[in-house]
Each structure stands twice: as structure tokens, then as C-alpha cells.
Amino acid sequence: MKFSYIFLFVFTVSGQLFAEDVTTREKNQESINDSKRAAKQANREFEDKTCELVNGKMVCALKKVKHSAEKSTDKIQDAAD
């Protein structure tokens, strides 16, 4: 009888430790993903602001539409995380 209580206790504690480890990994991965998305967004905004200096307005308009679509895709992915 004592053996079953000990087994149950060890099983419960090990399960909690594993669950906490997974959440820590998930939180770390989420923060990494957020940092990447922020860097990409800053790069896109920089390209949008400096595009007309280098390229024509039509090329820049297309790039801005593309960046807008990528921004909305990133928001959807972020909401899914």
C-alpha cells in the first residue's frame, strides 16, 4: 500500500516538473518569435520610408502593399501563438 502512494507522489511531481519545463520552452520560443517579427516589421517600415528615394513611386506602392500583407500575416501568426 505504501508503495502505491510513493509511486503516485513521484509520478505527480515528475509530471508537474515536465509541464513547467514545456511552458518555459514555449515562453522562450514565443519571445524569440516576437523579437523576429518586430525586427522584420522595423525593416519593412524603413524600406517603405526610403523606397521612393531609390525607386519610382509605382515600385514602392507595390512593395508597400506586399509589406502590408506580410504585416497582417504576422498578426495572424502572433494571435495563433
N, C-alpha and C. Protein backbone atom coordinates (compact mmCIF):
# COMPACT_ATOMS: atom_id res chain seq x y z
N MET A 1 0.81 -1.18 0.00
CA MET A 1 0.00 0.00 0.00
C MET A 1 0.87 1.26 0.00
N LYS A 2 1.92 1.27 0.80
CA LYS A 2 2.81 2.43 0.86
C LYS A 2 3.51 2.64 -0.47
N PHE A 3 3.82 1.54 -1.14
CA PHE A 3 4.50 1.64 -2.42
C PHE A 3 3.62 2.38 -3.44
N SER A 4 2.34 2.12 -3.44
CA SER A 4 1.45 2.79 -4.39
C SER A 4 1.36 4.28 -4.10
N TYR A 5 1.37 4.68 -2.84
CA TYR A 5 1.34 6.10 -2.50
C TYR A 5 2.63 6.79 -2.94
N ILE A 6 3.73 6.13 -2.73
CA ILE A 6 5.02 6.69 -3.13
C ILE A 6 5.07 6.82 -4.65
N PHE A 7 4.63 5.80 -5.35
CA PHE A 7 4.62 5.82 -6.81
C PHE A 7 3.74 6.96 -7.32
N LEU A 8 2.57 7.12 -6.73
CA LEU A 8 1.64 8.17 -7.13
C LEU A 8 2.25 9.55 -6.87
N PHE A 9 2.91 9.73 -5.75
CA PHE A 9 3.54 11.01 -5.42
C PHE A 9 4.65 11.34 -6.42
N VAL A 10 5.53 10.37 -6.71
CA VAL A 10 6.64 10.59 -7.63
C VAL A 10 6.11 10.87 -9.03
N PHE A 11 5.10 10.14 -9.44
CA PHE A 11 4.52 10.34 -10.76
C PHE A 11 3.91 11.75 -10.88
N THR A 12 3.23 12.21 -9.87
CA THR A 12 2.61 13.53 -9.88
C THR A 12 3.66 14.64 -9.92
N VAL A 13 4.68 14.53 -9.11
CA VAL A 13 5.73 15.55 -9.05
C VAL A 13 6.50 15.60 -10.37
N SER A 14 6.83 14.45 -10.93
CA SER A 14 7.58 14.44 -12.19
C SER A 14 6.74 15.02 -13.32
N GLY A 15 5.44 14.77 -13.31
CA GLY A 15 4.57 15.34 -14.33
C GLY A 15 4.49 16.84 -14.23
N GLN A 16 4.48 17.38 -13.03
CA GLN A 16 4.44 18.83 -12.86
C GLN A 16 5.75 19.47 -13.30
N LEU A 17 6.85 18.83 -13.02
CA LEU A 17 8.13 19.37 -13.44
C LEU A 17 8.24 19.40 -14.95
N PHE A 18 7.77 18.34 -15.59
CA PHE A 18 7.81 18.28 -17.05
C PHE A 18 6.91 19.35 -17.66
N ALA A 19 5.74 19.54 -17.10
CA ALA A 19 4.80 20.54 -17.62
C ALA A 19 5.38 21.94 -17.50
N GLU A 20 6.06 22.25 -16.41
CA GLU A 20 6.67 23.56 -16.24
C GLU A 20 7.81 23.76 -17.23
N ASP A 21 8.56 22.71 -17.53
CA ASP A 21 9.65 22.79 -18.47
C ASP A 21 9.12 23.12 -19.86
N VAL A 22 8.03 22.51 -20.23
CA VAL A 22 7.46 22.76 -21.55
C VAL A 22 6.96 24.21 -21.65
N THR A 23 6.32 24.70 -20.63
CA THR A 23 5.82 26.07 -20.68
C THR A 23 6.98 27.06 -20.74
N THR A 24 8.06 26.78 -20.07
CA THR A 24 9.22 27.66 -20.12
C THR A 24 9.78 27.70 -21.55
N ARG A 25 9.88 26.54 -22.16
CA ARG A 25 10.36 26.48 -23.55
C ARG A 25 9.42 27.24 -24.48
N GLU A 26 8.14 27.06 -24.28
CA GLU A 26 7.16 27.74 -25.13
C GLU A 26 7.25 29.25 -24.95
N LYS A 27 7.42 29.70 -23.73
CA LYS A 27 7.54 31.14 -23.48
C LYS A 27 8.80 31.71 -24.13
N ASN A 28 9.90 30.97 -24.03
CA ASN A 28 11.14 31.41 -24.66
C ASN A 28 10.98 31.48 -26.17
N GLN A 29 10.37 30.46 -26.76
CA GLN A 29 10.19 30.44 -28.20
C GLN A 29 9.26 31.56 -28.65
N GLU A 30 8.24 31.85 -27.86
CA GLU A 30 7.32 32.93 -28.19
C GLU A 30 8.02 34.28 -28.15
N SER A 31 8.87 34.49 -27.17
CA SER A 31 9.60 35.77 -27.09
C SER A 31 10.60 35.89 -28.24
N ILE A 32 11.21 34.80 -28.64
CA ILE A 32 12.11 34.81 -29.80
C ILE A 32 11.34 35.17 -31.06
N ASN A 33 10.17 34.55 -31.23
CA ASN A 33 9.34 34.83 -32.41
C ASN A 33 8.88 36.28 -32.43
N ASP A 34 8.51 36.82 -31.27
CA ASP A 34 8.10 38.22 -31.19
C ASP A 34 9.24 39.15 -31.56
N SER A 35 10.44 38.83 -31.13
CA SER A 35 11.60 39.66 -31.46
C SER A 35 11.88 39.64 -32.96
N LYS A 36 11.77 38.45 -33.56
CA LYS A 36 11.99 38.34 -35.01
C LYS A 36 10.95 39.15 -35.77
N ARG A 37 9.69 39.03 -35.36
CA ARG A 37 8.63 39.77 -36.05
C ARG A 37 8.83 41.28 -35.91
N ALA A 38 9.25 41.72 -34.74
CA ALA A 38 9.49 43.16 -34.53
C ALA A 38 10.62 43.65 -35.42
N ALA A 39 11.68 42.86 -35.55
CA ALA A 39 12.81 43.25 -36.39
C ALA A 39 12.38 43.29 -37.86
N LYS A 40 11.61 42.30 -38.29
CA LYS A 40 11.12 42.30 -39.67
C LYS A 40 10.24 43.51 -39.94
N GLN A 41 9.36 43.83 -39.00
CA GLN A 41 8.45 44.96 -39.16
C GLN A 41 9.23 46.27 -39.24
N ALA A 42 10.23 46.42 -38.41
CA ALA A 42 11.05 47.64 -38.44
C ALA A 42 11.78 47.76 -39.78
N ASN A 43 12.27 46.66 -40.29
CA ASN A 43 12.95 46.66 -41.58
C ASN A 43 11.98 47.04 -42.70
N ARG A 44 10.77 46.49 -42.67
CA ARG A 44 9.77 46.82 -43.69
C ARG A 44 9.40 48.30 -43.65
N GLU A 45 9.22 48.85 -42.45
CA GLU A 45 8.88 50.26 -42.32
C GLU A 45 10.02 51.14 -42.85
N PHE A 46 11.25 50.76 -42.58
CA PHE A 46 12.40 51.50 -43.08
C PHE A 46 12.43 51.47 -44.60
N GLU A 47 12.20 50.29 -45.18
CA GLU A 47 12.18 50.16 -46.63
C GLU A 47 11.06 51.00 -47.24
N ASP A 48 9.90 51.01 -46.59
CA ASP A 48 8.78 51.81 -47.10
C ASP A 48 9.11 53.30 -47.10
N LYS A 49 9.77 53.77 -46.08
CA LYS A 49 10.09 55.20 -45.97
C LYS A 49 11.20 55.64 -46.93
N THR A 50 12.14 54.75 -47.20
CA THR A 50 13.28 55.12 -48.05
C THR A 50 13.13 54.66 -49.49
N CYS A 51 12.06 53.99 -49.81
CA CYS A 51 11.91 53.40 -51.14
C CYS A 51 11.85 54.45 -52.24
N GLU A 52 11.11 55.51 -52.04
CA GLU A 52 10.92 56.50 -53.10
C GLU A 52 12.20 57.26 -53.41
N LEU A 53 13.13 57.26 -52.52
CA LEU A 53 14.41 57.91 -52.81
C LEU A 53 15.21 57.13 -53.84
N VAL A 54 15.05 55.82 -53.83
CA VAL A 54 15.84 54.96 -54.71
C VAL A 54 15.03 54.53 -55.93
N ASN A 55 13.80 54.08 -55.72
CA ASN A 55 12.97 53.55 -56.80
C ASN A 55 11.86 54.53 -57.14
N GLY A 56 11.08 54.18 -58.14
CA GLY A 56 9.94 55.01 -58.52
C GLY A 56 8.76 54.78 -57.59
N LYS A 57 7.73 55.62 -57.75
CA LYS A 57 6.56 55.53 -56.88
C LYS A 57 5.77 54.25 -57.11
N MET A 58 5.70 53.77 -58.34
CA MET A 58 4.92 52.56 -58.64
C MET A 58 5.56 51.33 -57.99
N VAL A 59 6.86 51.23 -58.06
CA VAL A 59 7.56 50.10 -57.44
C VAL A 59 7.36 50.14 -55.92
N CYS A 60 7.41 51.32 -55.36
CA CYS A 60 7.24 51.47 -53.91
C CYS A 60 5.82 51.16 -53.48
N ALA A 61 4.85 51.54 -54.31
CA ALA A 61 3.46 51.24 -53.98
C ALA A 61 3.24 49.73 -53.91
N LEU A 62 3.82 49.00 -54.82
CA LEU A 62 3.69 47.54 -54.81
C LEU A 62 4.37 46.93 -53.59
N LYS A 63 5.52 47.46 -53.25
CA LYS A 63 6.23 46.96 -52.06
C LYS A 63 5.45 47.25 -50.79
N LYS A 64 4.81 48.43 -50.73
CA LYS A 64 4.02 48.77 -49.55
C LYS A 64 2.83 47.84 -49.39
N VAL A 65 2.20 47.47 -50.50
CA VAL A 65 1.07 46.53 -50.46
C VAL A 65 1.57 45.17 -49.98
N LYS A 66 2.71 44.75 -50.49
CA LYS A 66 3.29 43.47 -50.08
C LYS A 66 3.61 43.49 -48.59
N HIS A 67 4.21 44.57 -48.12
CA HIS A 67 4.57 44.67 -46.70
C HIS A 67 3.32 44.70 -45.82
N SER A 68 2.27 45.33 -46.31
CA SER A 68 1.01 45.36 -45.56
C SER A 68 0.43 43.95 -45.41
N ALA A 69 0.50 43.17 -46.49
CA ALA A 69 0.02 41.78 -46.43
C ALA A 69 0.86 40.96 -45.47
N GLU A 70 2.17 41.16 -45.50
CA GLU A 70 3.05 40.43 -44.59
C GLU A 70 2.78 40.82 -43.14
N LYS A 71 2.48 42.09 -42.92
CA LYS A 71 2.18 42.56 -41.57
C LYS A 71 0.92 41.90 -41.04
N SER A 72 -0.11 41.80 -41.87
CA SER A 72 -1.34 41.14 -41.42
C SER A 72 -1.13 39.65 -41.20
N THR A 73 -0.30 39.03 -42.02
CA THR A 73 0.03 37.61 -41.81
C THR A 73 0.75 37.42 -40.50
N ASP A 74 1.68 38.31 -40.18
CA ASP A 74 2.40 38.23 -38.91
C ASP A 74 1.45 38.38 -37.72
N LYS A 75 0.47 39.27 -37.85
CA LYS A 75 -0.50 39.46 -36.76
C LYS A 75 -1.32 38.19 -36.55
N ILE A 76 -1.70 37.54 -37.63
CA ILE A 76 -2.47 36.29 -37.52
C ILE A 76 -1.63 35.21 -36.87
N GLN A 77 -0.37 35.09 -37.28
CA GLN A 77 0.52 34.10 -36.68
C GLN A 77 0.76 34.40 -35.20
N ASP A 78 0.89 35.66 -34.88
CA ASP A 78 1.11 36.05 -33.49
C ASP A 78 -0.12 35.73 -32.63
N ALA A 79 -1.29 35.92 -33.18
CA ALA A 79 -2.52 35.59 -32.45
C ALA A 79 -2.65 34.09 -32.26
N ALA A 80 -2.15 33.32 -33.23
CA ALA A 80 -2.21 31.86 -33.12
C ALA A 80 -1.27 31.34 -32.04
N ASP A 81 -0.16 32.07 -31.82
CA ASP A 81 0.80 31.66 -30.77
C ASP A 81 0.22 31.99 -29.45
